[in-house]
Amino acid sequence: MALVHPFINQRFGGYAREFYTLLKGWLIGVPREQDKFVLFGRGRSGSTLLTQMLNSNPKVNCDKEIFNRKVLFPKLYVNSRKRIFKKEVYGFKLLSYQLREHYSPEGARNFMQYLAQKQGYKIVYLTRENPVLQTMSKHYARFRGTWHQTTELNRPEKMVVNIPRFMQELRASVELDEFEAYCLQGIPNFKVVYEQDLQNSGEQFRLLDRLSHFLRIPLAKPNLSLKKISSERVSDYVENWEELKHCISYTEFSRFADFD
């Protein structure tokens, strides 16, 4: 029974939301002209932070992960979501694993081309340099039961990492890298690297300046409330970090664990 509720929520909850969105979009009638963009990438790459930064602009509506549940008609659904929002610029988050759940690799690339070439969406591609820290961030968020935090973290809770599961997810990140690259073949995009552009507050405003130019929107001061949910030192929140680090050292990911 424990698996039944998530399945119903994913399938029928998604279909119900899709139907409501299609109906609401249809009732609105002829859509107004809007500039459009997509935040494309994977989880724990700074997409929520960037969404908050962009939504600080009074001209922008950056939507949530609209494909976090199953939908039957992805193209119609996107167009209907766009109609609901009234501001001059509309965007939404599209995580790569969600796109992979809806489409084959070829279908996913066609969908991205449809957005960029036929619908005029500008693609903002979010990525991270360090897959070890990205995978660790995902594990720690699951452990704490929250993906985002708006208050300062005083004393991080420690977790024990399931090493086989961690290594499996770490290797899966390489496959997702390849999938993302395939989806974006031939599509111009604005690349955001978490470690270079979002990790430090000093870089965030410089990123926003460049991104505002790319999206052709006026620069607005960001109003941010998100806080990091983990410490800078992995050993502060991972009980068995030395054991995990030892395992990683024998793999192709060894250079990504040379810290702490």
Foldseek 3Di string as FASTA:
>chain_A
DVPVVVVCCQEVVLAVVLVVLLVQLVVLPDADAAQEAEEEEAPQQCPVVVQLQQVLAPQEDEAEASLPGDYDDVVSSVSSVVRVDDHRYYYYYHYLVSLVVHDPLVVLLVVLCCCCPVVPYAYEYTDEPFLLVSLVLVVLCVVVVHNWDQDDDDAAAADEDPQVVSVVVSVVVVVSVVSVCSSCVPPDHHYDYCVQAPPDPVRPLVVQVVVCVVSVHDRDGGDDRTDRNDDPDNVRHYVPLVVNLVVCCPDPNNVSSPDD
